[in-house]
Amino acid sequence: MHKYMAHRSLKFITAAALIFFISMVVPAYADNAQDLKNSESAVTEKKQGLKKNSDIQVVMYMTDWCPYCKKAGEYIKSFGVNLIEYDIEKNESRKKEMKVLSGGSGMVPLIYIEGIIIRGYVPEEISEAVEKRKKQ
């Protein structure tokens, strides 16, 4: 196999393994699970067969100094999803993880919503991804 193809195959396998790892390891903790169970919206969602927002797992790779990261974090939190933020300047392994997911880009924020990757702060894409994951 040509060196380039072997490297490309390895990169694809690494990315696939990382995506699988994130989807299996990122814990889904709801801060107010009991309150959500009793809330009217949770009952409505359950009747419609929708996933609760608090059950949706979101990972955001960010930096402290990035204004778009702050905006994205606030926007994502407004949905009531389970958000985990990784500062790539403080954690080298998360920076490498982000680069694999992004195809080598170091641009932040990089948002991962249960298999959907969003590069940058794009509110429309974030809300579409959350809605899509609610229907799974």
Protein backbone atom coordinates (compact mmCIF):
# COMPACT_ATOMS: atom_id res chain seq x y z
CA MET A 1 0.00 0.00 0.00
CA HIS A 2 1.29 3.44 -0.87
CA LYS A 3 2.52 5.49 2.14
CA TYR A 4 -0.07 8.21 1.53
CA MET A 5 -2.95 5.72 1.39
CA ALA A 6 -1.73 3.96 4.54
CA HIS A 7 -1.51 7.29 6.37
CA ARG A 8 -4.93 8.32 5.11
CA SER A 9 -6.45 4.98 6.16
CA LEU A 10 -4.86 5.26 9.59
CA LYS A 11 -6.20 8.82 9.96
CA PHE A 12 -9.72 7.64 9.05
CA ILE A 13 -9.55 4.70 11.47
CA THR A 14 -8.24 6.98 14.22
CA ALA A 15 -11.04 9.49 13.63
CA ALA A 16 -13.67 6.74 13.62
CA ALA A 17 -12.28 5.24 16.82
CA LEU A 18 -12.22 8.65 18.49
CA ILE A 19 -15.81 9.42 17.52
CA PHE A 20 -16.87 6.02 18.87
CA PHE A 21 -14.89 6.61 22.07
CA ILE A 22 -16.48 10.03 22.65
CA SER A 23 -19.98 8.72 22.04
CA MET A 24 -19.43 5.88 24.50
CA VAL A 25 -17.47 7.69 27.22
CA VAL A 26 -18.98 11.15 27.51
CA PRO A 27 -21.37 10.80 30.46
CA ALA A 28 -24.90 12.08 30.23
CA TYR A 29 -25.64 13.70 33.57
CA ALA A 30 -28.66 15.93 33.98
CA ASP A 31 -28.26 18.52 36.73
CA ASN A 32 -31.95 18.49 37.50
CA ALA A 33 -33.05 15.06 36.31
CA GLN A 34 -35.83 14.75 38.87
CA ASP A 35 -37.18 18.21 38.02
CA LEU A 36 -37.12 17.39 34.32
CA LYS A 37 -39.00 14.13 34.85
CA ASN A 38 -41.77 16.02 36.53
CA SER A 39 -41.84 18.97 34.18
CA GLU A 40 -44.58 19.39 31.64
CA SER A 41 -42.15 19.65 28.72
CA ALA A 42 -40.50 16.36 29.64
CA VAL A 43 -43.89 14.65 29.72
CA THR A 44 -44.79 16.13 26.33
CA GLU A 45 -41.47 15.05 24.84
CA LYS A 46 -41.90 11.55 26.20
CA LYS A 47 -45.38 11.28 24.66
CA GLN A 48 -43.98 12.41 21.31
CA GLY A 49 -41.08 9.96 21.53
CA LEU A 50 -38.48 12.73 21.71
CA LYS A 51 -35.24 12.65 23.64
CA LYS A 52 -34.98 15.23 26.43
CA ASN A 53 -32.48 18.02 25.83
CA SER A 54 -30.71 17.08 29.06
CA ASP A 55 -29.98 13.66 27.54
CA ILE A 56 -28.18 15.18 24.55
CA GLN A 57 -24.40 15.15 24.92
CA VAL A 58 -22.41 18.08 23.53
CA VAL A 59 -18.64 18.46 23.59
CA MET A 60 -17.09 21.83 22.76
CA TYR A 61 -13.38 22.33 22.17
CA MET A 62 -12.54 25.93 23.02
CA THR A 63 -10.09 28.44 24.50
CA ASP A 64 -10.57 30.93 27.33
CA TRP A 65 -9.77 33.95 25.17
CA CYS A 66 -12.07 33.13 22.23
CA PRO A 67 -15.20 35.36 22.17
CA TYR A 68 -17.01 33.00 19.78
CA CYS A 69 -16.35 30.11 22.17
CA LYS A 70 -18.05 32.08 24.95
CA LYS A 71 -21.02 32.90 22.72
CA ALA A 72 -21.29 29.29 21.56
CA GLY A 73 -21.12 28.02 25.15
CA GLU A 74 -23.88 30.37 26.28
CA TYR A 75 -26.04 29.47 23.29
CA ILE A 76 -25.55 25.73 23.77
CA LYS A 77 -26.33 25.99 27.50
CA SER A 78 -29.60 27.76 26.65
CA PHE A 79 -30.86 24.45 25.21
CA GLY A 80 -30.38 22.68 28.54
CA VAL A 81 -28.14 20.03 26.99
CA ASN A 82 -25.27 18.24 28.75
CA LEU A 83 -22.30 20.42 27.69
CA ILE A 84 -18.69 19.50 28.34
CA GLU A 85 -16.10 22.14 27.46
CA TYR A 86 -12.45 21.29 26.81
CA ASP A 87 -9.89 24.11 26.78
CA ILE A 88 -7.41 22.91 24.16
CA GLU A 89 -4.68 25.21 25.49
CA LYS A 90 -4.79 23.52 28.89
CA ASN A 91 -5.12 19.93 27.71
CA GLU A 92 -2.83 18.68 24.92
CA SER A 93 -4.65 15.36 24.53
CA ARG A 94 -7.96 17.17 23.96
CA LYS A 95 -6.23 19.41 21.40
CA LYS A 96 -5.06 16.31 19.50
CA GLU A 97 -8.54 14.82 19.80
CA MET A 98 -10.04 18.01 18.37
CA LYS A 99 -7.59 18.03 15.46
CA VAL A 100 -8.58 14.48 14.55
CA LEU A 101 -12.28 15.38 14.61
CA SER A 102 -11.72 18.58 12.62
CA GLY A 103 -9.51 17.02 9.97
CA GLY A 104 -6.43 18.85 11.23
CA SER A 105 -7.84 22.30 11.84
CA GLY A 106 -7.02 24.14 15.06
CA MET A 107 -9.98 26.53 14.74
CA VAL A 108 -12.18 26.94 17.80
CA PRO A 109 -14.88 26.44 18.75
CA LEU A 110 -15.32 22.93 17.45
CA ILE A 111 -18.65 21.52 18.60
CA TYR A 112 -19.49 17.81 18.63
CA ILE A 113 -23.17 16.96 19.10
CA GLU A 114 -23.53 13.17 19.17
CA GLY A 115 -21.80 12.58 15.84
CA ILE A 116 -22.50 15.98 14.29
CA ILE A 117 -19.45 18.24 13.98
CA ILE A 118 -19.89 22.01 13.80
CA ARG A 119 -16.90 24.21 13.04
CA GLY A 120 -17.23 27.67 14.57
CA TYR A 121 -20.15 29.42 16.20
CA VAL A 122 -23.07 28.86 13.82
CA PRO A 123 -26.33 29.14 15.82
CA GLU A 124 -28.50 27.68 13.05
CA GLU A 125 -26.35 24.55 12.77
CA ILE A 126 -26.26 24.12 16.55
CA SER A 127 -30.07 24.33 16.90
CA GLU A 128 -30.56 22.00 13.91
CA ALA A 129 -28.18 19.45 15.42
CA VAL A 130 -29.92 19.56 18.81
CA GLU A 131 -33.33 19.11 17.16
CA LYS A 132 -32.01 16.25 15.04
CA ARG A 133 -30.63 14.46 18.11
CA LYS A 134 -33.92 14.93 19.99
CA LYS A 135 -35.64 12.84 17.32
CA GLN A 136 -33.23 9.89 17.63
